[in-house]
Protein backbone atom coordinates (compact mmCIF):
# COMPACT_ATOMS: atom_id res chain seq x y z
CA MET A 1 43.41 10.52 15.85
CA PRO A 2 40.45 11.84 17.86
CA LEU A 3 37.60 13.43 15.93
CA THR A 4 37.40 17.20 15.99
CA GLN A 5 34.17 18.97 16.90
CA VAL A 6 33.62 19.68 13.19
CA ASP A 7 34.15 16.00 12.28
CA GLN A 8 31.67 14.92 14.93
CA GLY A 9 29.13 17.42 13.67
CA LEU A 10 29.49 16.19 10.10
CA LEU A 11 29.05 12.58 11.17
CA SER A 12 26.02 13.47 13.26
CA SER A 13 24.47 15.36 10.36
CA ALA A 14 25.16 12.54 7.90
CA ALA A 15 23.65 9.95 10.26
CA GLN A 16 20.25 11.55 9.86
CA TYR A 17 20.20 10.75 6.17
CA THR A 18 21.35 7.13 6.11
CA GLY A 19 19.29 3.97 6.25
CA PHE A 20 15.52 3.84 6.08
CA LYS A 21 14.79 7.55 6.38
CA ASN A 22 11.33 7.44 4.85
CA ARG A 23 9.12 4.91 6.66
CA ILE A 24 6.44 5.22 3.99
CA ILE A 25 6.82 2.63 1.22
CA ASN A 26 5.92 3.61 -2.34
CA GLY A 27 5.46 7.21 -1.28
CA ASN A 28 6.19 8.35 -4.83
CA MET A 29 3.41 6.05 -6.11
CA VAL A 30 5.56 4.31 -8.76
CA ILE A 31 4.52 0.71 -7.94
CA ASP A 32 1.04 -0.55 -8.90
CA GLN A 33 1.35 -4.32 -9.20
CA ARG A 34 -2.33 -5.19 -8.77
CA ASN A 35 -3.90 -2.73 -11.20
CA ALA A 36 -1.16 -1.59 -13.61
CA GLY A 37 -2.62 1.91 -13.67
CA ALA A 38 -6.27 0.89 -13.97
CA SER A 39 -8.96 2.65 -11.94
CA VAL A 40 -10.13 1.02 -8.70
CA ALA A 41 -13.76 1.37 -7.61
CA THR A 42 -14.17 1.68 -3.83
CA THR A 43 -16.88 -0.97 -3.58
CA THR A 44 -15.80 -2.69 -0.35
CA THR A 45 -16.75 -1.07 2.95
CA ALA A 46 -15.12 -1.28 6.38
CA ALA A 47 -11.98 -3.38 5.69
CA GLY A 48 -9.04 -1.69 3.99
CA VAL A 49 -8.59 -2.57 0.30
CA TYR A 50 -5.22 -2.15 -1.42
CA THR A 51 -4.96 0.00 -4.54
CA LEU A 52 -1.47 1.16 -5.50
CA ASP A 53 1.09 -0.88 -3.60
CA ARG A 54 0.95 -0.29 0.18
CA TRP A 55 -1.94 2.19 -0.16
CA ILE A 56 -5.45 1.29 0.97
CA TYR A 57 -8.85 2.89 0.90
CA GLN A 58 -11.17 2.61 3.91
CA VAL A 59 -14.79 3.70 3.51
CA SER A 60 -18.11 3.40 5.27
CA ALA A 61 -20.21 3.73 2.10
CA ALA A 62 -19.38 2.09 -1.22
CA SER A 63 -18.58 3.67 -4.58
CA LYS A 64 -18.25 7.32 -3.61
CA PHE A 65 -14.84 7.79 -5.25
CA THR A 66 -12.32 5.96 -7.40
CA VAL A 67 -8.57 5.52 -6.94
CA GLN A 68 -6.08 5.39 -9.80
CA GLN A 69 -2.39 5.87 -10.43
CA ASN A 70 -2.04 9.16 -12.34
CA ALA A 71 -5.79 9.77 -12.47
CA GLY A 72 -6.63 12.72 -14.71
CA SER A 73 -3.16 12.64 -16.31
CA VAL A 74 -1.97 15.93 -14.84
CA THR A 75 1.72 16.83 -14.61
CA PRO A 76 3.17 15.69 -11.26
CA PRO A 77 5.30 18.04 -9.15
CA ALA A 78 8.94 18.42 -10.18
CA GLY A 79 10.97 15.33 -9.36
CA PHE A 80 8.03 12.91 -9.52
CA THR A 81 6.45 10.91 -12.33
CA ASN A 82 3.48 9.37 -10.53
CA TYR A 83 0.80 10.17 -8.00
CA LEU A 84 -2.23 8.54 -6.40
CA GLY A 85 -5.43 10.16 -7.61
CA CYS A 86 -8.90 10.05 -6.04
CA THR A 87 -11.97 11.22 -7.95
CA SER A 88 -15.39 11.70 -6.36
CA THR A 89 -18.20 9.96 -8.23
CA SER A 90 -21.17 11.72 -6.60
CA ALA A 91 -22.18 14.61 -4.37
CA TYR A 92 -22.50 12.56 -1.19
CA SER A 93 -23.72 14.04 2.10
CA VAL A 94 -21.71 12.29 4.81
CA GLY A 95 -23.59 10.84 7.75
CA THR A 96 -22.59 11.31 11.38
CA ASN A 97 -20.34 8.24 11.45
CA ASP A 98 -19.29 8.12 7.81
CA TYR A 99 -15.61 8.05 6.86
CA PHE A 100 -13.63 8.02 3.61
CA THR A 101 -9.85 7.72 3.74
CA ILE A 102 -6.75 6.66 1.90
CA ALA A 103 -4.03 5.35 4.18
CA GLN A 104 -0.82 3.43 4.69
CA ARG A 105 -0.22 0.88 7.44
CA LEU A 106 3.30 0.79 8.87
CA GLU A 107 4.92 -2.42 10.10
CA GLY A 108 6.33 -2.60 13.63
CA TYR A 109 9.78 -3.68 12.45
CA ASN A 110 10.02 -0.42 10.48
CA THR A 111 8.94 1.89 13.31
CA SER A 112 10.19 0.25 16.52
CA ASP A 113 13.06 2.74 16.86
CA LEU A 114 10.52 5.57 17.26
CA GLY A 115 9.78 4.32 20.77
CA TRP A 116 6.10 5.18 20.63
CA GLY A 117 4.21 4.06 23.68
CA SER A 118 7.17 4.91 25.95
CA ALA A 119 8.75 7.92 27.62
CA ASN A 120 11.31 7.98 24.81
CA ALA A 121 8.74 8.48 22.02
CA GLN A 122 10.29 10.31 19.06
CA THR A 123 8.71 13.15 17.11
CA VAL A 124 8.08 12.48 13.41
CA THR A 125 7.39 14.71 10.44
CA ILE A 126 5.02 13.82 7.62
CA SER A 127 5.52 15.63 4.31
CA PHE A 128 3.77 15.31 0.95
CA TRP A 129 2.70 17.02 -2.24
CA VAL A 130 -1.05 17.43 -2.69
CA ARG A 131 -3.37 18.81 -5.35
CA SER A 132 -7.17 19.14 -5.30
CA SER A 133 -9.92 20.75 -7.31
CA LEU A 134 -11.21 22.02 -3.94
CA THR A 135 -9.60 24.48 -1.55
CA GLY A 136 -9.77 25.00 2.19
CA ALA A 137 -8.96 23.00 5.31
CA PHE A 138 -8.15 19.30 4.89
CA GLY A 139 -7.06 16.74 7.42
CA GLY A 140 -6.24 13.24 8.47
CA ALA A 141 -5.11 11.14 11.40
CA VAL A 142 -2.46 8.85 12.82
CA ARG A 143 -3.90 5.79 14.57
CA ASN A 144 -2.28 2.95 16.49
CA SER A 145 -3.06 -0.66 15.61
CA SER A 146 -5.43 -1.26 18.52
CA GLY A 147 -7.48 1.82 17.68
CA GLY A 148 -7.02 3.31 21.12
CA ARG A 149 -4.83 6.28 20.20
CA TYR A 150 -5.49 8.97 17.59
CA TYR A 151 -3.67 12.11 16.48
CA LEU A 152 -5.58 14.42 14.13
CA PHE A 153 -3.65 16.71 11.77
CA SER A 154 -4.76 19.53 9.50
CA TYR A 155 -3.39 21.35 6.46
CA THR A 156 -4.71 23.91 3.99
CA ILE A 157 -4.96 23.71 0.21
CA ASN A 158 -4.78 27.30 -0.95
CA ALA A 159 -5.21 27.08 -4.73
CA ALA A 160 -7.34 24.72 -6.79
CA ASN A 161 -5.64 22.32 -9.21
CA THR A 162 -2.18 23.34 -8.06
CA TRP A 163 0.46 21.10 -6.46
CA GLU A 164 1.30 22.31 -2.94
CA TYR A 165 3.89 20.97 -0.49
CA LYS A 166 2.72 20.26 3.08
CA THR A 167 4.53 19.29 6.27
CA ILE A 168 3.04 18.07 9.54
CA THR A 169 4.91 17.45 12.78
CA VAL A 170 3.53 14.78 15.11
CA ALA A 171 4.82 14.51 18.67
CA GLY A 172 5.61 10.90 19.56
CA ASP A 173 2.92 9.20 21.63
CA THR A 174 4.20 8.32 25.12
CA THR A 175 1.23 6.09 25.92
CA GLY A 176 -0.73 3.47 24.03
CA THR A 177 0.43 0.20 22.47
CA TYR A 178 2.56 0.09 19.31
CA GLN A 179 3.66 -3.22 17.81
CA THR A 180 7.38 -3.68 17.18
CA THR A 181 7.44 -6.85 15.06
CA ASN A 182 5.68 -7.85 11.83
CA SER A 183 2.18 -6.54 12.60
CA ILE A 184 0.71 -3.04 12.29
CA SER A 185 2.36 -0.40 14.46
CA PHE A 186 0.25 2.52 13.28
CA GLU A 187 -1.61 3.89 10.26
CA VAL A 188 -1.57 7.31 8.61
CA TRP A 189 -4.89 8.43 7.10
CA TRP A 190 -5.76 11.22 4.67
CA SER A 191 -9.45 12.02 4.96
CA LEU A 192 -11.69 12.58 1.93
CA GLY A 193 -14.71 13.23 4.12
CA ALA A 194 -16.09 12.24 7.53
CA GLY A 195 -19.13 12.87 9.69
CA SER A 196 -19.32 14.96 12.85
CA GLY A 197 -19.10 11.82 14.99
CA LEU A 198 -15.61 11.12 13.63
CA SER A 199 -14.31 14.70 13.65
CA GLY A 200 -12.47 16.48 16.44
CA THR A 201 -9.61 18.79 17.41
CA ALA A 202 -6.22 18.56 15.73
CA GLY A 203 -2.79 18.70 17.32
CA SER A 204 -2.72 16.23 20.22
CA TRP A 205 -3.09 12.56 21.00
CA SER A 206 -6.40 11.30 22.37
CA THR A 207 -8.48 8.16 22.74
CA ASN A 208 -11.27 9.55 20.56
CA ASN A 209 -12.12 7.43 17.51
CA GLN A 210 -11.81 10.19 14.88
CA THR A 211 -10.42 10.50 11.36
CA GLN A 212 -10.19 14.25 10.71
CA PRO A 213 -10.37 17.70 12.34
CA THR A 214 -13.76 19.34 12.51
CA GLY A 215 -14.45 21.49 9.45
CA SER A 216 -12.29 19.50 7.03
CA THR A 217 -13.26 19.64 3.36
CA SER A 218 -15.34 16.72 2.08
CA VAL A 219 -13.99 15.58 -1.28
CA VAL A 220 -16.81 13.05 -1.65
CA GLY A 221 -19.29 15.90 -1.15
CA THR A 222 -18.61 17.33 -4.62
CA ASN A 223 -19.25 15.26 -7.72
CA GLY A 224 -16.10 15.06 -9.84
CA ALA A 225 -13.86 16.58 -7.15
CA THR A 226 -10.26 15.39 -7.26
CA PHE A 227 -7.59 14.74 -4.62
CA TYR A 228 -4.07 13.84 -5.77
CA ILE A 229 -1.07 13.03 -3.57
CA THR A 230 2.57 12.00 -4.01
CA GLY A 231 6.01 12.38 -2.43
CA VAL A 232 4.70 11.12 0.90
CA GLN A 233 7.38 10.82 3.57
CA LEU A 234 7.33 10.03 7.29
CA GLU A 235 10.67 10.55 9.00
CA LYS A 236 12.10 10.87 12.47
CA GLY A 237 12.56 14.43 13.69
CA ALA A 238 10.71 17.74 13.78
CA THR A 239 11.92 18.98 10.37
CA ALA A 240 10.98 17.76 6.91
CA THR A 241 13.92 16.92 4.64
CA SER A 242 14.11 16.14 0.94
CA PHE A 243 12.17 13.13 -0.32
CA ASP A 244 14.09 9.88 0.12
CA VAL A 245 14.39 8.70 -3.48
CA ARG A 246 15.05 4.96 -3.56
CA ASP A 247 15.90 3.16 -6.78
CA TYR A 248 12.96 1.40 -8.47
CA GLY A 249 14.29 -2.10 -7.74
CA ARG A 250 14.61 -1.39 -4.02
CA GLU A 251 11.14 0.16 -3.85
CA LEU A 252 9.67 -2.87 -5.62
CA ILE A 253 11.41 -5.23 -3.19
CA LEU A 254 9.98 -3.28 -0.23
CA CYS A 255 6.50 -3.63 -1.74
CA GLN A 256 6.94 -7.33 -2.49
CA ARG A 257 7.43 -8.11 1.19
CA TYR A 258 3.69 -7.44 1.46
CA ALA A 259 2.41 -8.47 -1.99
CA PHE A 260 3.67 -9.52 -5.37
CA SER A 261 1.91 -10.15 -8.64
CA LEU A 262 2.54 -12.58 -11.49
CA ASP A 263 0.79 -12.08 -14.81
CA ASN A 264 1.04 -12.94 -18.47
CA GLN A 265 1.83 -9.33 -19.36
CA GLN A 266 5.33 -9.66 -17.91
CA SER A 267 6.62 -11.62 -20.90
CA PRO A 268 7.11 -10.47 -24.51
CA SER A 269 4.16 -10.99 -26.84
CA ASN A 270 3.47 -14.56 -27.98
CA ILE A 271 5.55 -16.03 -25.14
CA SER A 272 3.81 -17.72 -22.21
CA SER A 273 4.65 -16.62 -18.67
CA ARG A 274 5.84 -19.37 -16.34
CA TYR A 275 4.69 -18.92 -12.76
CA GLY A 276 6.08 -22.08 -11.16
CA PHE A 277 6.57 -25.79 -11.64
CA GLY A 278 5.87 -29.04 -9.83
CA MET A 279 4.86 -32.66 -10.13
CA ALA A 280 1.56 -34.37 -10.86
CA ASN A 281 0.50 -36.54 -7.94
CA SER A 282 -2.43 -37.98 -9.89
CA ALA A 283 -3.93 -37.83 -13.37
CA SER A 284 -6.13 -34.94 -12.24
CA GLN A 285 -3.96 -32.91 -9.84
CA CYS A 286 -0.58 -31.19 -9.97
CA GLN A 287 1.27 -29.64 -7.04
CA ILE A 288 3.04 -26.44 -8.14
CA ASN A 289 5.66 -24.52 -6.17
CA VAL A 290 6.01 -20.76 -6.70
CA GLN A 291 9.17 -19.04 -5.49
CA HIS A 292 8.56 -15.65 -3.85
CA PRO A 293 10.85 -12.88 -5.14
CA VAL A 294 11.59 -11.84 -1.53
CA THR A 295 10.89 -13.16 1.96
CA MET A 296 7.33 -12.08 2.74
CA ARG A 297 5.99 -10.58 5.95
CA ALA A 298 3.74 -13.60 6.60
CA ILE A 299 2.36 -16.63 4.76
CA PRO A 300 0.48 -15.05 1.84
CA GLY A 301 -3.05 -15.51 0.68
CA ILE A 302 -3.34 -16.18 -3.05
CA THR A 303 -5.93 -14.97 -5.53
CA VAL A 304 -6.09 -15.85 -9.23
CA THR A 305 -7.78 -13.81 -11.95
CA ASN A 306 -8.79 -15.59 -15.20
CA LEU A 307 -7.59 -19.04 -14.18
CA SER A 308 -9.19 -20.45 -17.33
CA SER A 309 -6.53 -18.75 -19.46
CA CYS A 310 -3.76 -20.54 -17.57
CA ILE A 311 -2.39 -23.95 -18.57
CA LEU A 312 -0.18 -26.76 -17.33
CA SER A 313 2.52 -27.76 -19.78
CA ASP A 314 5.28 -30.30 -20.18
CA SER A 315 7.65 -30.93 -23.05
CA THR A 316 4.98 -32.55 -25.22
CA ALA A 317 1.55 -31.07 -24.51
CA THR A 318 -0.57 -28.51 -22.67
CA PHE A 319 -3.46 -29.14 -20.28
CA SER A 320 -6.33 -26.91 -19.19
CA ILE A 321 -6.85 -26.02 -15.53
CA SER A 322 -10.27 -26.42 -13.94
CA ALA A 323 -9.66 -25.45 -10.30
CA PHE A 324 -7.10 -23.88 -7.98
CA ALA A 325 -6.39 -24.26 -4.25
CA ALA A 326 -3.63 -22.77 -2.10
CA GLN A 327 -1.88 -25.32 0.09
CA THR A 328 -1.52 -23.18 3.20
CA ASN A 329 -0.15 -26.02 5.30
CA VAL A 330 2.98 -26.22 3.17
CA SER A 331 3.32 -22.58 2.13
CA GLY A 332 5.99 -20.40 3.69
CA LEU A 333 7.57 -16.97 3.63
CA ASN A 334 9.77 -17.82 0.64
CA THR A 335 7.73 -20.36 -1.34
CA SER A 336 4.04 -21.06 -1.86
CA SER A 337 2.52 -24.34 -2.96
CA VAL A 338 -0.70 -24.55 -4.94
CA SER A 339 -2.81 -27.43 -6.19
CA LEU A 340 -4.11 -27.22 -9.77
CA SER A 341 -6.84 -29.54 -11.02
CA SER A 342 -6.69 -30.79 -14.60
CA SER A 343 -7.11 -34.07 -16.51
CA GLY A 344 -4.91 -36.42 -18.49
CA LEU A 345 -1.78 -35.70 -16.47
CA THR A 346 0.98 -38.28 -16.08
CA VAL A 347 1.77 -39.12 -12.46
CA TYR A 348 5.24 -37.99 -11.33
CA ARG A 349 5.83 -35.93 -14.45
CA THR A 350 7.00 -32.33 -14.07
CA TYR A 351 4.63 -29.58 -15.30
CA PHE A 352 4.90 -25.81 -15.61
CA TRP A 353 2.08 -23.46 -14.58
CA GLU A 354 1.85 -20.90 -17.38
CA GLY A 355 -0.23 -17.93 -18.39
CA THR A 356 -1.15 -17.85 -22.05
CA THR A 357 -1.32 -14.68 -24.12
CA ALA A 358 -5.01 -15.11 -25.00
CA THR A 359 -6.53 -13.41 -21.93
CA ASN A 360 -4.95 -11.37 -19.17
CA ASN A 361 -4.46 -13.40 -16.01
CA ARG A 362 -2.93 -12.38 -12.70
CA ILE A 363 -1.90 -14.19 -9.53
CA VAL A 364 -1.52 -12.01 -6.43
CA PHE A 365 0.29 -13.29 -3.34
CA SER A 366 -0.66 -11.01 -0.46
CA ALA A 367 0.78 -10.81 3.06
CA GLU A 368 -0.46 -7.27 3.66
CA LEU A 369 -0.89 -5.74 7.09
């Protein structure tokens, strides 16, 4: 039976709300694998540093604000339990080319259907809840991966310390280069302050290297000023729709494509966490394989915190670990191999890499954009 006009309309309407509507991952700020809610000091300049999952800070001067999940412990807007909070730690006067942003980088596989960089470029709408101790004009930018295309956007915070809902429509960019595979397609920035050399006019695409509209409020300019954000969504179309609530497990899986964390706090008290297992190839070295929870975007880098509180164990004894090295030549998208140095191991015996309960330890596998 052919579809009626009403049937076709219903199907068309439903199609807008299926699949990966929100291209922002962890937009409700529920996942914080690296820090577990602890405050992050913005001590690294230039390169983006990850805070809550998928969210980075980018700054030109160190230690002007902190980032923390649920900073200040205020009540989130209705429907949300978490937010990303930034708190200024000084009254900093921004220089001409200073910049302070929080941002998310979007992967090409997740945005290729937008057609940016072509005549078929699709309009998108960015929506979010925001709260600040300051009022006035605020802003940010959308930037392609090569840094050759910028779109500045502005919004107004009308009342201090009050959650407000904002929407911004961005016309699709018909020029410029946008990656369509597993590298960065574009970034979305929220500015916490920038100098005159990085400020411009909002509302259109340009080649100007800028991070905010002229006249935007500088959060880092006021000691103790706060900027909180949650419910961030970027969707196709010129109209904002309700926030795309994904179940926690799915959101975690999306985050783990880019990074996952193993730590000794994941197990009940007095039970060691097992991170992986492998075989000793000498009395002083053991090759351990760690299974990734999901296929990662790229071969991950690996960092270990408090290695000294980790052990190697077999059925009869435990052994301390003196050094760690990632075996990048045999690591992959699904499994990583690491070499752990110890002593007294038995060649060809199987050992488990464990985290004890004495001191917090964490292993982060990162394939971030």
